[in-house]
Amino acid sequence: MGWDVTKVGKNITTRKFVEYDIKRSYDGIYELVKIYEGKYVDGQKAFYVALRKLENNTVFACVYLTRRENGSVAVKVVGESEAPCYYEAPESFINVLTPSSTLTGAWWRNRCLEKEVA
């Protein structure tokens, strides 16, 4: 999966763009529950996003990888079941999620919790 690049104004923060992109992409299907903003690493910032599926009220996580360049925001979304290589989501974030439906998602959540303890 590649990066989606969108031209934005300088006054639009990356977080505001992520919130806009979630609304634009998932409105009527998913509802934003929580966002946790990670640190910059190698020019990228991860946003940990908890989404509620309106159909059945399950809440799962995805990681929005972002980078800013040349007046644009580049975004790559990785679902927890795809085992993102980013583990900054704190326990307070993990606690809003419903039980994972995949072993990979459960593993990723545990990895986040282990990193927080270390």
C-alpha atoms as a PDB file:
ATOM      1  CA  MET A   1       0.000   0.000   0.000  1.00  0.00           C
ATOM      2  CA  GLY A   2       1.379   3.369  -1.004  1.00  0.00           C
ATOM      3  CA  TRP A   3       1.107   6.878   0.300  1.00  0.00           C
ATOM      4  CA  ASP A   4      -1.782   9.224  -0.543  1.00  0.00           C
ATOM      5  CA  VAL A   5      -0.530  12.780  -0.989  1.00  0.00           C
ATOM      6  CA  THR A   6      -2.782  15.838  -0.632  1.00  0.00           C
ATOM      7  CA  LYS A   7      -1.861  19.502  -1.079  1.00  0.00           C
ATOM      8  CA  VAL A   8      -2.813  21.515   2.030  1.00  0.00           C
ATOM      9  CA  GLY A   9      -2.416  25.062   3.280  1.00  0.00           C
ATOM     10  CA  LYS A  10       0.295  25.921   5.779  1.00  0.00           C
ATOM     11  CA  ASN A  11      -2.354  26.778   8.376  1.00  0.00           C
ATOM     12  CA  ILE A  12      -3.699  23.175   8.383  1.00  0.00           C
ATOM     13  CA  THR A  13      -1.986  21.055  11.035  1.00  0.00           C
ATOM     14  CA  THR A  14      -1.256  17.429  10.267  1.00  0.00           C
ATOM     15  CA  ARG A  15      -3.634  16.355  13.049  1.00  0.00           C
ATOM     16  CA  LYS A  16      -6.459  18.499  11.606  1.00  0.00           C
ATOM     17  CA  PHE A  17      -5.820  16.946   8.213  1.00  0.00           C
ATOM     18  CA  VAL A  18      -5.982  13.427   9.708  1.00  0.00           C
ATOM     19  CA  GLU A  19      -9.300  14.286  11.395  1.00  0.00           C
ATOM     20  CA  TYR A  20     -10.616  15.669   8.089  1.00  0.00           C
ATOM     21  CA  ASP A  21      -9.417  12.598   6.170  1.00  0.00           C
ATOM     22  CA  ILE A  22     -11.135  10.239   8.621  1.00  0.00           C
ATOM     23  CA  LYS A  23     -14.420  12.142   8.294  1.00  0.00           C
ATOM     24  CA  ARG A  24     -14.133  12.271   4.497  1.00  0.00           C
ATOM     25  CA  SER A  25     -13.178   8.605   4.124  1.00  0.00           C
ATOM     26  CA  TYR A  26     -15.337   6.909   6.748  1.00  0.00           C
ATOM     27  CA  ASP A  27     -18.387   9.137   7.388  1.00  0.00           C
ATOM     28  CA  GLY A  28     -21.502   7.016   7.866  1.00  0.00           C
ATOM     29  CA  ILE A  29     -19.484   3.797   8.250  1.00  0.00           C
ATOM     30  CA  TYR A  30     -17.113   4.525  11.146  1.00  0.00           C
ATOM     31  CA  GLU A  31     -17.034   7.087  13.920  1.00  0.00           C
ATOM     32  CA  LEU A  32     -13.857   8.577  15.367  1.00  0.00           C
ATOM     33  CA  VAL A  33     -13.491   7.588  19.033  1.00  0.00           C
ATOM     34  CA  LYS A  34      -9.976   8.727  19.931  1.00  0.00           C
ATOM     35  CA  ILE A  35      -6.707   9.940  18.425  1.00  0.00           C
ATOM     36  CA  TYR A  36      -3.320   9.661  20.091  1.00  0.00           C
ATOM     37  CA  GLU A  37      -0.497  11.623  18.475  1.00  0.00           C
ATOM     38  CA  GLY A  38       2.881   9.890  18.446  1.00  0.00           C
ATOM     39  CA  LYS A  39       6.362  11.373  18.086  1.00  0.00           C
ATOM     40  CA  TYR A  40       8.227  12.274  14.921  1.00  0.00           C
ATOM     41  CA  VAL A  41      10.534   9.437  13.840  1.00  0.00           C
ATOM     42  CA  ASP A  42      12.571   9.628  10.630  1.00  0.00           C
ATOM     43  CA  GLY A  43      10.434  12.511   9.325  1.00  0.00           C
ATOM     44  CA  GLN A  44       7.178  10.639   9.943  1.00  0.00           C
ATOM     45  CA  LYS A  45       4.564  11.021  12.647  1.00  0.00           C
ATOM     46  CA  ALA A  46       2.137   8.277  13.635  1.00  0.00           C
ATOM     47  CA  PHE A  47      -1.407   9.025  14.730  1.00  0.00           C
ATOM     48  CA  TYR A  48      -3.117   6.171  16.548  1.00  0.00           C
ATOM     49  CA  VAL A  49      -6.794   6.230  15.621  1.00  0.00           C
ATOM     50  CA  ALA A  50      -9.638   4.333  17.310  1.00  0.00           C
ATOM     51  CA  LEU A  51     -12.670   3.933  15.055  1.00  0.00           C
ATOM     52  CA  ARG A  52     -16.105   2.563  15.958  1.00  0.00           C
ATOM     53  CA  LYS A  53     -17.857   0.582  13.249  1.00  0.00           C
ATOM     54  CA  LEU A  54     -21.416   1.924  13.333  1.00  0.00           C
ATOM     55  CA  GLU A  55     -22.911  -1.356  12.116  1.00  0.00           C
ATOM     56  CA  ASN A  56     -21.909  -3.362  15.207  1.00  0.00           C
ATOM     57  CA  ASN A  57     -20.222  -0.911  17.652  1.00  0.00           C
ATOM     58  CA  THR A  58     -16.833  -2.637  17.507  1.00  0.00           C
ATOM     59  CA  VAL A  59     -13.875  -0.331  18.078  1.00  0.00           C
ATOM     60  CA  PHE A  60     -10.544  -1.080  16.406  1.00  0.00           C
ATOM     61  CA  ALA A  61      -7.280   0.753  15.830  1.00  0.00           C
ATOM     62  CA  CYS A  62      -5.395   1.916  12.808  1.00  0.00           C
ATOM     63  CA  VAL A  63      -2.190   3.867  12.501  1.00  0.00           C
ATOM     64  CA  TYR A  64      -2.102   6.925  10.256  1.00  0.00           C
ATOM     65  CA  LEU A  65       1.515   7.409   9.197  1.00  0.00           C
ATOM     66  CA  THR A  66       2.068  10.977   8.046  1.00  0.00           C
ATOM     67  CA  ARG A  67       4.783  13.187   6.667  1.00  0.00           C
ATOM     68  CA  ARG A  68       4.773  16.801   5.491  1.00  0.00           C
ATOM     69  CA  GLU A  69       6.640  17.890   2.397  1.00  0.00           C
ATOM     70  CA  ASN A  70       6.384  20.633  -0.200  1.00  0.00           C
ATOM     71  CA  GLY A  71       3.033  21.954   1.048  1.00  0.00           C
ATOM     72  CA  SER A  72       1.480  18.485   1.116  1.00  0.00           C
ATOM     73  CA  VAL A  73       0.545  15.842   3.654  1.00  0.00           C
ATOM     74  CA  ALA A  74       1.353  12.251   2.759  1.00  0.00           C
ATOM     75  CA  VAL A  75      -0.733   9.605   4.550  1.00  0.00           C
ATOM     76  CA  LYS A  76      -0.499   5.849   4.785  1.00  0.00           C
ATOM     77  CA  VAL A  77      -3.116   3.989   6.861  1.00  0.00           C
ATOM     78  CA  VAL A  78      -2.219   0.652   8.452  1.00  0.00           C
ATOM     79  CA  GLY A  79      -4.877  -1.317  10.321  1.00  0.00           C
ATOM     80  CA  GLU A  80      -3.997  -3.113  13.556  1.00  0.00           C
ATOM     81  CA  SER A  81      -4.609  -6.470  11.835  1.00  0.00           C
ATOM     82  CA  GLU A  82      -1.750  -5.603   9.466  1.00  0.00           C
ATOM     83  CA  ALA A  83       0.692  -5.395  12.432  1.00  0.00           C
ATOM     84  CA  PRO A  84       1.927  -1.804  12.103  1.00  0.00           C
ATOM     85  CA  CYS A  85       5.555  -1.364  13.157  1.00  0.00           C
ATOM     86  CA  TYR A  86       4.589   1.533  15.441  1.00  0.00           C
ATOM     87  CA  TYR A  87       3.918   0.793  19.106  1.00  0.00           C
ATOM     88  CA  GLU A  88       3.438   4.127  20.900  1.00  0.00           C
ATOM     89  CA  ALA A  89      -0.290   3.710  21.616  1.00  0.00           C
ATOM     90  CA  PRO A  90      -0.697   4.041  25.399  1.00  0.00           C
ATOM     91  CA  GLU A  91      -2.868   1.885  27.633  1.00  0.00           C
ATOM     92  CA  SER A  92      -5.523   4.637  27.787  1.00  0.00           C
ATOM     93  CA  PHE A  93      -5.856   4.322  23.999  1.00  0.00           C
ATOM     94  CA  ILE A  94      -5.853   0.500  23.947  1.00  0.00           C
ATOM     95  CA  ASN A  95      -8.552   0.479  26.646  1.00  0.00           C
ATOM     96  CA  VAL A  96     -11.139   2.159  24.370  1.00  0.00           C
ATOM     97  CA  LEU A  97     -10.866  -0.710  21.849  1.00  0.00           C
ATOM     98  CA  THR A  98     -13.198  -3.698  21.903  1.00  0.00           C
ATOM     99  CA  PRO A  99     -11.577  -7.175  21.891  1.00  0.00           C
ATOM    100  CA  SER A 100      -9.614  -7.780  18.689  1.00  0.00           C
ATOM    101  CA  SER A 101     -11.100 -10.107  16.101  1.00  0.00           C
ATOM    102  CA  THR A 102      -7.635 -11.113  14.838  1.00  0.00           C
ATOM    103  CA  LEU A 103      -4.563 -12.630  16.430  1.00  0.00           C
ATOM    104  CA  THR A 104      -2.386 -10.044  14.697  1.00  0.00           C
ATOM    105  CA  GLY A 105      -4.464  -7.191  16.138  1.00  0.00           C
ATOM    106  CA  ALA A 106      -4.218  -8.683  19.646  1.00  0.00           C
ATOM    107  CA  TRP A 107      -0.454  -9.106  19.205  1.00  0.00           C
ATOM    108  CA  TRP A 108      -0.066  -5.468  18.096  1.00  0.00           C
ATOM    109  CA  ARG A 109      -2.056  -4.220  21.110  1.00  0.00           C
ATOM    110  CA  ASN A 110       0.062  -6.300  23.493  1.00  0.00           C
ATOM    111  CA  ARG A 111       3.237  -4.991  21.867  1.00  0.00           C
ATOM    112  CA  CYS A 112       2.058  -1.402  22.508  1.00  0.00           C
ATOM    113  CA  LEU A 113       1.407  -2.234  26.158  1.00  0.00           C
ATOM    114  CA  GLU A 114       4.819  -3.899  26.523  1.00  0.00           C
ATOM    115  CA  LYS A 115       6.580  -0.841  25.060  1.00  0.00           C
ATOM    116  CA  GLU A 116       4.761   1.458  27.484  1.00  0.00           C
ATOM    117  CA  VAL A 117       5.959  -0.586  30.469  1.00  0.00           C
ATOM    118  CA  ALA A 118       9.574  -0.764  29.243  1.00  0.00           C
END
